[in-house]
C-alpha atoms as a PDB file:
ATOM      1  CA  MET A   1     -20.599  74.559  -9.728  1.00  0.00           C
ATOM      2  CA  LYS A   2     -20.542  70.777 -10.093  1.00  0.00           C
ATOM      3  CA  THR A   3     -17.465  69.102 -11.558  1.00  0.00           C
ATOM      4  CA  ASP A   4     -19.358  65.934 -12.524  1.00  0.00           C
ATOM      5  CA  PRO A   5     -21.774  66.621 -15.402  1.00  0.00           C
ATOM      6  CA  PHE A   6     -23.780  63.509 -14.457  1.00  0.00           C
ATOM      7  CA  ASP A   7     -24.303  64.526 -10.825  1.00  0.00           C
ATOM      8  CA  HIS A   8     -27.858  65.723 -10.187  1.00  0.00           C
ATOM      9  CA  SER A   9     -27.741  65.302  -6.416  1.00  0.00           C
ATOM     10  CA  GLU A  10     -28.369  68.981  -5.759  1.00  0.00           C
ATOM     11  CA  THR A  11     -30.770  69.697  -8.626  1.00  0.00           C
ATOM     12  CA  ASN A  12     -33.095  66.696  -8.472  1.00  0.00           C
ATOM     13  CA  GLN A  13     -35.653  67.645  -5.833  1.00  0.00           C
ATOM     14  CA  ASP A  14     -36.172  64.089  -4.561  1.00  0.00           C
ATOM     15  CA  CYS A  15     -32.442  63.524  -4.061  1.00  0.00           C
ATOM     16  CA  LYS A  16     -32.058  66.999  -2.621  1.00  0.00           C
ATOM     17  CA  ASN A  17     -34.695  66.098  -0.037  1.00  0.00           C
ATOM     18  CA  LEU A  18     -32.841  62.899   0.842  1.00  0.00           C
ATOM     19  CA  ARG A  19     -29.612  64.828   1.319  1.00  0.00           C
ATOM     20  CA  GLN A  20     -31.279  67.495   3.418  1.00  0.00           C
ATOM     21  CA  HIS A  21     -32.902  64.848   5.624  1.00  0.00           C
ATOM     22  CA  ALA A  22     -29.538  63.136   6.093  1.00  0.00           C
ATOM     23  CA  GLN A  23     -27.952  66.409   7.180  1.00  0.00           C
ATOM     24  CA  GLU A  24     -30.789  67.084   9.582  1.00  0.00           C
ATOM     25  CA  GLU A  25     -30.171  63.650  11.126  1.00  0.00           C
ATOM     26  CA  GLY A  26     -26.506  64.477  11.653  1.00  0.00           C
ATOM     27  CA  VAL A  27     -24.562  63.442   8.558  1.00  0.00           C
ATOM     28  CA  SER A  28     -21.702  65.951   8.364  1.00  0.00           C
ATOM     29  CA  GLU A  29     -19.377  64.394   5.758  1.00  0.00           C
ATOM     30  CA  PRO A  30     -20.548  65.511   2.267  1.00  0.00           C
ATOM     31  CA  SER A  31     -19.365  62.304   0.593  1.00  0.00           C
ATOM     32  CA  ASP A  32     -21.581  60.278   2.962  1.00  0.00           C
ATOM     33  CA  LEU A  33     -24.769  61.909   1.647  1.00  0.00           C
ATOM     34  CA  PRO A  34     -27.112  60.251  -0.864  1.00  0.00           C
ATOM     35  CA  PHE A  35     -26.295  61.018  -4.487  1.00  0.00           C
ATOM     36  CA  MET A  36     -27.922  60.765  -7.895  1.00  0.00           C
ATOM     37  CA  LEU A  37     -26.092  60.448 -11.213  1.00  0.00           C
ATOM     38  CA  ARG A  38     -28.179  60.962 -14.352  1.00  0.00           C
ATOM     39  CA  PRO A  39     -26.447  60.667 -17.734  1.00  0.00           C
ATOM     40  CA  PRO A  40     -28.479  62.223 -20.571  1.00  0.00           C
ATOM     41  CA  GLY A  41     -30.779  59.823 -22.366  1.00  0.00           C
ATOM     42  CA  ALA A  42     -30.587  57.072 -19.733  1.00  0.00           C
ATOM     43  CA  THR A  43     -33.624  54.780 -19.701  1.00  0.00           C
ATOM     44  CA  SER A  44     -32.389  52.385 -17.015  1.00  0.00           C
ATOM     45  CA  ALA A  45     -31.265  53.141 -13.478  1.00  0.00           C
ATOM     46  CA  ALA A  46     -29.600  51.400 -10.552  1.00  0.00           C
ATOM     47  CA  LEU A  47     -30.685  51.643  -6.937  1.00  0.00           C
ATOM     48  CA  LEU A  48     -27.436  51.495  -4.934  1.00  0.00           C
ATOM     49  CA  VAL A  49     -27.567  50.309  -1.324  1.00  0.00           C
ATOM     50  CA  HIS A  50     -24.471  50.370   0.901  1.00  0.00           C
ATOM     51  CA  GLY A  51     -23.587  47.947   3.691  1.00  0.00           C
ATOM     52  CA  PHE A  52     -23.847  47.867   7.477  1.00  0.00           C
ATOM     53  CA  THR A  53     -22.064  50.835   9.144  1.00  0.00           C
ATOM     54  CA  GLY A  54     -21.181  52.193   5.683  1.00  0.00           C
ATOM     55  CA  THR A  55     -22.536  55.165   3.713  1.00  0.00           C
ATOM     56  CA  PRO A  56     -23.347  56.048   0.070  1.00  0.00           C
ATOM     57  CA  TRP A  57     -19.625  56.855  -0.276  1.00  0.00           C
ATOM     58  CA  GLU A  58     -19.138  53.095  -0.500  1.00  0.00           C
ATOM     59  CA  MET A  59     -21.029  53.070  -3.827  1.00  0.00           C
ATOM     60  CA  ARG A  60     -19.711  56.280  -5.408  1.00  0.00           C
ATOM     61  CA  LEU A  61     -17.007  54.792  -7.657  1.00  0.00           C
ATOM     62  CA  PHE A  62     -19.466  52.267  -9.003  1.00  0.00           C
ATOM     63  CA  GLY A  63     -22.110  54.926  -9.644  1.00  0.00           C
ATOM     64  CA  GLU A  64     -19.613  56.918 -11.673  1.00  0.00           C
ATOM     65  CA  GLU A  65     -18.788  53.899 -13.845  1.00  0.00           C
ATOM     66  CA  LEU A  66     -22.476  53.267 -14.425  1.00  0.00           C
ATOM     67  CA  ALA A  67     -22.959  56.886 -15.482  1.00  0.00           C
ATOM     68  CA  ILE A  68     -20.159  56.636 -18.037  1.00  0.00           C
ATOM     69  CA  ALA A  69     -21.959  53.601 -19.457  1.00  0.00           C
ATOM     70  CA  GLY A  70     -25.209  55.576 -19.728  1.00  0.00           C
ATOM     71  CA  ILE A  71     -26.927  54.064 -16.682  1.00  0.00           C
ATOM     72  CA  ALA A  72     -28.416  56.369 -14.053  1.00  0.00           C
ATOM     73  CA  SER A  73     -28.118  55.647 -10.339  1.00  0.00           C
ATOM     74  CA  LEU A  74     -29.418  56.725  -6.962  1.00  0.00           C
ATOM     75  CA  ALA A  75     -27.424  55.829  -3.844  1.00  0.00           C
ATOM     76  CA  ILE A  76     -29.570  56.004  -0.730  1.00  0.00           C
ATOM     77  CA  ARG A  77     -28.426  56.274   2.887  1.00  0.00           C
ATOM     78  CA  LEU A  78     -29.709  53.734   5.376  1.00  0.00           C
ATOM     79  CA  PRO A  79     -31.064  55.309   8.601  1.00  0.00           C
ATOM     80  CA  GLY A  80     -28.521  55.371  11.424  1.00  0.00           C
ATOM     81  CA  HIS A  81     -25.558  55.440   9.043  1.00  0.00           C
ATOM     82  CA  GLY A  82     -23.140  58.338   8.686  1.00  0.00           C
ATOM     83  CA  THR A  83     -24.311  59.766  12.021  1.00  0.00           C
ATOM     84  CA  SER A  84     -23.254  57.832  15.154  1.00  0.00           C
ATOM     85  CA  PRO A  85     -23.123  54.251  16.461  1.00  0.00           C
ATOM     86  CA  GLU A  86     -25.671  55.223  19.100  1.00  0.00           C
ATOM     87  CA  ASP A  87     -28.068  56.369  16.392  1.00  0.00           C
ATOM     88  CA  LEU A  88     -27.635  53.127  14.456  1.00  0.00           C
ATOM     89  CA  ALA A  89     -28.260  51.066  17.603  1.00  0.00           C
ATOM     90  CA  LYS A  90     -31.820  52.451  17.710  1.00  0.00           C
ATOM     91  CA  LYS A  91     -32.745  51.455  14.153  1.00  0.00           C
ATOM     92  CA  ARG A  92     -34.585  48.365  12.961  1.00  0.00           C
ATOM     93  CA  TRP A  93     -34.132  46.627   9.640  1.00  0.00           C
ATOM     94  CA  GLU A  94     -37.610  47.824   8.724  1.00  0.00           C
ATOM     95  CA  ASP A  95     -36.276  51.407   8.918  1.00  0.00           C
ATOM     96  CA  TRP A  96     -33.534  50.488   6.454  1.00  0.00           C
ATOM     97  CA  TYR A  97     -36.042  48.800   4.169  1.00  0.00           C
ATOM     98  CA  ASP A  98     -38.274  51.875   4.152  1.00  0.00           C
ATOM     99  CA  ALA A  99     -35.324  53.943   2.882  1.00  0.00           C
ATOM    100  CA  VAL A 100     -34.767  51.437   0.073  1.00  0.00           C
ATOM    101  CA  GLN A 101     -38.438  51.642  -0.864  1.00  0.00           C
ATOM    102  CA  VAL A 102     -38.271  55.444  -0.998  1.00  0.00           C
ATOM    103  CA  GLY A 103     -35.286  55.216  -3.344  1.00  0.00           C
ATOM    104  CA  TYR A 104     -37.073  52.732  -5.575  1.00  0.00           C
ATOM    105  CA  ASN A 105     -40.137  54.959  -5.818  1.00  0.00           C
ATOM    106  CA  ILE A 106     -37.966  57.928  -6.799  1.00  0.00           C
ATOM    107  CA  LEU A 107     -36.377  56.029  -9.678  1.00  0.00           C
ATOM    108  CA  ARG A 108     -39.690  54.560 -10.772  1.00  0.00           C
ATOM    109  CA  LYS A 109     -40.888  58.055 -11.708  1.00  0.00           C
ATOM    110  CA  ASP A 110     -38.385  58.425 -14.555  1.00  0.00           C
ATOM    111  CA  TYR A 111     -36.947  55.036 -15.512  1.00  0.00           C
ATOM    112  CA  SER A 112     -38.537  52.009 -17.138  1.00  0.00           C
ATOM    113  CA  SER A 113     -35.839  49.574 -15.971  1.00  0.00           C
ATOM    114  CA  ILE A 114     -34.552  49.493 -12.398  1.00  0.00           C
ATOM    115  CA  TYR A 115     -31.673  47.342 -11.194  1.00  0.00           C
ATOM    116  CA  GLY A 116     -31.131  46.671  -7.516  1.00  0.00           C
ATOM    117  CA  ILE A 117     -27.454  46.740  -6.550  1.00  0.00           C
ATOM    118  CA  GLY A 118     -26.306  46.087  -3.005  1.00  0.00           C
ATOM    119  CA  MET A 119     -23.095  45.812  -1.032  1.00  0.00           C
ATOM    120  CA  SER A 120     -23.113  43.241   1.814  1.00  0.00           C
ATOM    121  CA  THR A 121     -26.172  43.942   4.000  1.00  0.00           C
ATOM    122  CA  GLY A 122     -27.369  46.135   1.151  1.00  0.00           C
ATOM    123  CA  CYS A 123     -27.782  42.872  -0.806  1.00  0.00           C
ATOM    124  CA  LEU A 124     -30.277  41.583   1.749  1.00  0.00           C
ATOM    125  CA  LEU A 125     -32.293  44.787   1.565  1.00  0.00           C
ATOM    126  CA  ILE A 126     -32.275  44.752  -2.232  1.00  0.00           C
ATOM    127  CA  LEU A 127     -33.522  41.149  -2.177  1.00  0.00           C
ATOM    128  CA  ALA A 128     -36.296  42.073   0.250  1.00  0.00           C
ATOM    129  CA  ALA A 129     -37.317  44.923  -2.051  1.00  0.00           C
ATOM    130  CA  ALA A 130     -37.226  42.687  -5.136  1.00  0.00           C
ATOM    131  CA  ARG A 131     -39.864  40.460  -3.577  1.00  0.00           C
ATOM    132  CA  THR A 132     -42.507  43.188  -3.833  1.00  0.00           C
ATOM    133  CA  ASN A 133     -41.140  45.610  -6.463  1.00  0.00           C
ATOM    134  CA  PRO A 134     -40.509  44.823 -10.143  1.00  0.00           C
ATOM    135  CA  MET A 135     -36.768  44.874 -10.880  1.00  0.00           C
ATOM    136  CA  SER A 136     -35.046  44.116 -14.167  1.00  0.00           C
ATOM    137  CA  GLY A 137     -32.086  42.498 -12.407  1.00  0.00           C
ATOM    138  CA  LEU A 138     -29.992  42.343  -9.255  1.00  0.00           C
ATOM    139  CA  VAL A 139     -26.263  42.735  -8.664  1.00  0.00           C
ATOM    140  CA  LEU A 140     -24.997  41.556  -5.281  1.00  0.00           C
ATOM    141  CA  PHE A 141     -21.554  42.451  -3.953  1.00  0.00           C
ATOM    142  CA  SER A 142     -20.557  40.164  -1.033  1.00  0.00           C
ATOM    143  CA  PRO A 143     -23.999  38.611  -0.463  1.00  0.00           C
ATOM    144  CA  TYR A 144     -24.387  36.371   2.577  1.00  0.00           C
ATOM    145  CA  LEU A 145     -26.737  34.499   4.858  1.00  0.00           C
ATOM    146  CA  ARG A 146     -24.258  34.096   7.722  1.00  0.00           C
ATOM    147  CA  ILE A 147     -21.772  36.413   9.430  1.00  0.00           C
ATOM    148  CA  GLN A 148     -18.399  34.866  10.256  1.00  0.00           C
ATOM    149  CA  HIS A 149     -18.179  35.878  13.922  1.00  0.00           C
ATOM    150  CA  TRP A 150     -19.305  32.931  16.031  1.00  0.00           C
ATOM    151  CA  LEU A 151     -21.224  35.192  18.440  1.00  0.00           C
ATOM    152  CA  ALA A 152     -23.291  36.833  15.697  1.00  0.00           C
ATOM    153  CA  PRO A 153     -26.280  34.459  16.111  1.00  0.00           C
ATOM    154  CA  TYR A 154     -26.540  35.493  19.772  1.00  0.00           C
ATOM    155  CA  ALA A 155     -26.613  39.244  19.153  1.00  0.00           C
ATOM    156  CA  GLY A 156     -30.207  39.475  20.348  1.00  0.00           C
ATOM    157  CA  TRP A 157     -29.200  38.866  23.967  1.00  0.00           C
ATOM    158  CA  LEU A 158     -25.544  39.857  23.714  1.00  0.00           C
ATOM    159  CA  LYS A 159     -26.535  43.463  22.943  1.00  0.00           C
ATOM    160  CA  TRP A 160     -27.620  43.882  26.571  1.00  0.00           C
ATOM    161  CA  PHE A 161     -24.198  42.868  27.933  1.00  0.00           C
ATOM    162  CA  ARG A 162     -21.840  44.086  25.226  1.00  0.00           C
ATOM    163  CA  PRO A 163     -23.549  46.894  23.269  1.00  0.00           C
ATOM    164  CA  TYR A 164     -20.684  47.560  20.844  1.00  0.00           C
ATOM    165  CA  GLN A 165     -18.034  45.634  18.974  1.00  0.00           C
ATOM    166  CA  VAL A 166     -14.872  47.688  18.505  1.00  0.00           C
ATOM    167  CA  LYS A 167     -12.975  47.284  15.249  1.00  0.00           C
ATOM    168  CA  PRO A 168      -9.196  47.762  15.098  1.00  0.00           C
ATOM    169  CA  GLU A 169      -7.857  50.980  13.618  1.00  0.00           C
ATOM    170  CA  ALA A 170      -8.165  50.954   9.849  1.00  0.00           C
ATOM    171  CA  ASP A 171      -7.019  52.994   6.861  1.00  0.00           C
ATOM    172  CA  LYS A 172      -8.071  56.449   5.736  1.00  0.00           C
ATOM    173  CA  SER A 173     -11.501  55.165   4.705  1.00  0.00           C
ATOM    174  CA  GLN A 174     -12.324  54.665   8.381  1.00  0.00           C
ATOM    175  CA  LYS A 175     -14.051  58.045   8.586  1.00  0.00           C
ATOM    176  CA  HIS A 176     -16.828  56.623   6.409  1.00  0.00           C
ATOM    177  CA  TYR A 177     -17.473  53.676   8.757  1.00  0.00           C
ATOM    178  CA  TYR A 178     -18.137  53.229  12.451  1.00  0.00           C
ATOM    179  CA  ARG A 179     -15.269  51.826  14.470  1.00  0.00           C
ATOM    180  CA  ARG A 180     -17.813  50.912  17.175  1.00  0.00           C
ATOM    181  CA  ARG A 181     -20.432  48.648  15.626  1.00  0.00           C
ATOM    182  CA  PRO A 182     -23.665  48.304  17.623  1.00  0.00           C
ATOM    183  CA  VAL A 183     -24.478  44.699  18.431  1.00  0.00           C
ATOM    184  CA  ALA A 184     -28.154  45.675  18.271  1.00  0.00           C
ATOM    185  CA  GLY A 185     -27.557  46.264  14.564  1.00  0.00           C
ATOM    186  CA  ILE A 186     -26.252  42.713  14.159  1.00  0.00           C
ATOM    187  CA  HIS A 187     -29.470  41.516  15.767  1.00  0.00           C
ATOM    188  CA  GLN A 188     -31.405  43.455  13.125  1.00  0.00           C
ATOM    189  CA  ILE A 189     -29.306  41.826  10.413  1.00  0.00           C
ATOM    190  CA  ASN A 190     -30.221  38.426  11.874  1.00  0.00           C
ATOM    191  CA  ARG A 191     -33.894  39.367  11.690  1.00  0.00           C
ATOM    192  CA  LEU A 192     -33.499  40.616   8.124  1.00  0.00           C
ATOM    193  CA  THR A 193     -31.597  37.487   7.064  1.00  0.00           C
ATOM    194  CA  LYS A 194     -34.353  35.269   8.427  1.00  0.00           C
ATOM    195  CA  ARG A 195     -36.947  37.179   6.397  1.00  0.00           C
ATOM    196  CA  VAL A 196     -34.902  37.151   3.190  1.00  0.00           C
ATOM    197  CA  ARG A 197     -34.007  33.466   3.488  1.00  0.00           C
ATOM    198  CA  SER A 198     -37.694  32.546   3.434  1.00  0.00           C
ATOM    199  CA  GLN A 199     -38.323  34.760   0.391  1.00  0.00           C
ATOM    200  CA  LEU A 200     -35.446  33.626  -1.831  1.00  0.00           C
ATOM    201  CA  PRO A 201     -37.417  30.831  -3.573  1.00  0.00           C
ATOM    202  CA  LEU A 202     -39.940  33.478  -4.644  1.00  0.00           C
ATOM    203  CA  ILE A 203     -37.434  35.854  -6.283  1.00  0.00           C
ATOM    204  CA  THR A 204     -37.118  35.253 -10.011  1.00  0.00           C
ATOM    205  CA  CYS A 205     -35.315  38.264 -11.502  1.00  0.00           C
ATOM    206  CA  PRO A 206     -31.847  37.803 -13.075  1.00  0.00           C
ATOM    207  CA  VAL A 207     -28.933  38.025 -10.649  1.00  0.00           C
ATOM    208  CA  LEU A 208     -25.184  38.589 -10.799  1.00  0.00           C
ATOM    209  CA  ALA A 209     -23.241  38.043  -7.567  1.00  0.00           C
ATOM    210  CA  PHE A 210     -19.641  38.371  -6.389  1.00  0.00           C
ATOM    211  CA  ASN A 211     -17.830  37.047  -3.309  1.00  0.00           C
ATOM    212  CA  GLY A 212     -14.138  37.065  -2.380  1.00  0.00           C
ATOM    213  CA  GLU A 213     -12.251  34.389  -0.446  1.00  0.00           C
ATOM    214  CA  GLY A 214     -10.388  37.113   1.444  1.00  0.00           C
ATOM    215  CA  ASP A 215     -13.640  38.193   3.101  1.00  0.00           C
ATOM    216  CA  GLN A 216     -13.166  38.295   6.891  1.00  0.00           C
ATOM    217  CA  THR A 217     -16.689  39.532   7.613  1.00  0.00           C
ATOM    218  CA  VAL A 218     -19.195  37.075   6.159  1.00  0.00           C
ATOM    219  CA  ASP A 219     -19.325  33.372   5.337  1.00  0.00           C
ATOM    220  CA  ILE A 220     -18.863  33.335   1.567  1.00  0.00           C
ATOM    221  CA  GLU A 221     -20.249  29.807   1.302  1.00  0.00           C
ATOM    222  CA  SER A 222     -23.540  31.268   2.466  1.00  0.00           C
ATOM    223  CA  GLY A 223     -23.322  33.700  -0.461  1.00  0.00           C
ATOM    224  CA  ARG A 224     -23.372  30.800  -2.890  1.00  0.00           C
ATOM    225  CA  GLU A 225     -26.158  29.217  -0.873  1.00  0.00           C
ATOM    226  CA  LEU A 226     -28.181  32.407  -1.182  1.00  0.00           C
ATOM    227  CA  ILE A 227     -27.891  32.377  -4.977  1.00  0.00           C
ATOM    228  CA  ASP A 228     -28.753  28.673  -5.173  1.00  0.00           C
ATOM    229  CA  ARG A 229     -31.941  29.263  -3.186  1.00  0.00           C
ATOM    230  CA  MET A 230     -33.209  31.901  -5.623  1.00  0.00           C
ATOM    231  CA  ALA A 231     -35.684  30.906  -8.330  1.00  0.00           C
ATOM    232  CA  SER A 232     -34.007  33.060 -11.002  1.00  0.00           C
ATOM    233  CA  GLU A 233     -33.332  31.435 -14.365  1.00  0.00           C
ATOM    234  CA  ILE A 234     -30.425  33.794 -15.041  1.00  0.00           C
ATOM    235  CA  LYS A 235     -27.750  33.394 -12.360  1.00  0.00           C
ATOM    236  CA  ASP A 236     -24.140  34.513 -12.648  1.00  0.00           C
ATOM    237  CA  TYR A 237     -22.057  33.804  -9.546  1.00  0.00           C
ATOM    238  CA  LEU A 238     -18.341  34.597  -9.331  1.00  0.00           C
ATOM    239  CA  CYS A 239     -16.059  33.946  -6.360  1.00  0.00           C
ATOM    240  CA  TYR A 240     -12.630  35.580  -6.454  1.00  0.00           C
ATOM    241  CA  GLY A 241      -9.485  34.582  -4.555  1.00  0.00           C
ATOM    242  CA  THR A 242      -7.955  35.347  -1.181  1.00  0.00           C
ATOM    243  CA  ASP A 243      -6.728  38.782  -2.294  1.00  0.00           C
ATOM    244  CA  VAL A 244     -10.320  40.018  -2.564  1.00  0.00           C
ATOM    245  CA  PRO A 245     -11.761  41.511   0.668  1.00  0.00           C
ATOM    246  CA  HIS A 246     -15.300  42.064   1.910  1.00  0.00           C
ATOM    247  CA  VAL A 247     -15.897  45.563   0.511  1.00  0.00           C
ATOM    248  CA  LEU A 248     -15.833  45.049  -3.257  1.00  0.00           C
ATOM    249  CA  THR A 249     -16.770  48.539  -4.430  1.00  0.00           C
ATOM    250  CA  ARG A 250     -13.744  50.509  -3.214  1.00  0.00           C
ATOM    251  CA  GLU A 251     -10.028  50.706  -3.976  1.00  0.00           C
ATOM    252  CA  GLU A 252      -8.984  47.841  -1.674  1.00  0.00           C
ATOM    253  CA  ASN A 253     -10.538  45.366  -4.120  1.00  0.00           C
ATOM    254  CA  PRO A 254      -7.892  44.754  -6.822  1.00  0.00           C
ATOM    255  CA  TYR A 255     -10.582  43.410  -9.189  1.00  0.00           C
ATOM    256  CA  ARG A 256     -12.983  46.291  -8.660  1.00  0.00           C
ATOM    257  CA  VAL A 257     -12.808  47.537 -12.259  1.00  0.00           C
ATOM    258  CA  GLU A 258     -13.248  44.037 -13.620  1.00  0.00           C
ATOM    259  CA  MET A 259     -16.358  43.524 -11.479  1.00  0.00           C
ATOM    260  CA  PHE A 260     -17.771  46.883 -12.530  1.00  0.00           C
ATOM    261  CA  THR A 261     -17.243  45.990 -16.182  1.00  0.00           C
ATOM    262  CA  GLN A 262     -18.961  42.631 -15.755  1.00  0.00           C
ATOM    263  CA  THR A 263     -21.865  44.347 -14.023  1.00  0.00           C
ATOM    264  CA  ILE A 264     -22.324  46.859 -16.843  1.00  0.00           C
ATOM    265  CA  GLU A 265     -22.168  44.057 -19.426  1.00  0.00           C
ATOM    266  CA  PHE A 266     -24.731  42.107 -17.399  1.00  0.00           C
ATOM    267  CA  ILE A 267     -27.125  45.066 -17.402  1.00  0.00           C
ATOM    268  CA  GLN A 268     -26.548  45.773 -21.087  1.00  0.00           C
ATOM    269  CA  ARG A 269     -27.251  42.145 -21.904  1.00  0.00           C
ATOM    270  CA  LEU A 270     -30.521  42.273 -19.994  1.00  0.00           C
ATOM    271  CA  GLU A 271     -31.477  45.514 -21.707  1.00  0.00           C
ATOM    272  CA  GLY A 272     -31.080  43.753 -25.049  1.00  0.00           C
ATOM    273  CA  PRO A 273     -33.958  42.063 -26.880  1.00  0.00           C
ATOM    274  CA  GLU A 274     -33.193  38.444 -25.971  1.00  0.00           C
ATOM    275  CA  PRO A 275     -31.016  37.878 -22.883  1.00  0.00           C
ATOM    276  CA  ALA A 276     -29.499  34.398 -22.769  1.00  0.00           C
ATOM    277  CA  VAL A 277     -29.907  32.118 -19.785  1.00  0.00           C
ATOM    278  CA  SER A 278     -26.655  31.717 -17.860  1.00  0.00           C
ATOM    279  CA  THR A 279     -25.757  28.732 -15.702  1.00  0.00           C
ATOM    280  CA  ARG A 280     -22.271  29.866 -14.732  1.00  0.00           C
END
């Protein structure tokens, strides 16, 4: 018996299929499976896409806040995530994109308005999807065009000599991430970034984006650059201080609730009859 009245992960056949496929591929942690939250009467929905080496768990708190506000959501799982670093090393960004497209098509069956919401690399995939799929708006948590590590641009050849980058021991959330990150995956991110960069001037849907100066993973200046390159008339970009880390959707972000509230207000404003153009 479900404790969350909004959770339709087990009863919606499409989401149930996604969860079953994830388990067949080796996802063993229940909180790392795709999920769907469907508040009664919702007409708009969010497609939630987690970041590199993460899982749908990364987006769960945000999905719950959306549900309380009457907005449905589907959090997909990117192939190679929640299984093993070796599995992820075999995946291409096109595999990740295909999973995003499947999620979009699921939501399109029941909802007239779809919002693409990504965390980190999930932002890039949402942007790629927005180029070919109608979306009412985008929300980008820690968007970027450049990774901080100086060797990241050379991942294409470095993967043959140093297949994995080992992260230091982390907190209790570590079980939801890979400590060994495949360098081949960074190469795929480079390929994806190149594609998205060329498409940004063609993306016109409204966008809200957040970066934090405490981010040790990506170049936050490239996040602002990404937003500036978009052709959207409605652009809200907010950069928080040094106490805000890379992952913005979990407890380590002290402004998580504030960002969630701003996101819900952004969506509600767009759902209204006459959204105002923002230049902030």
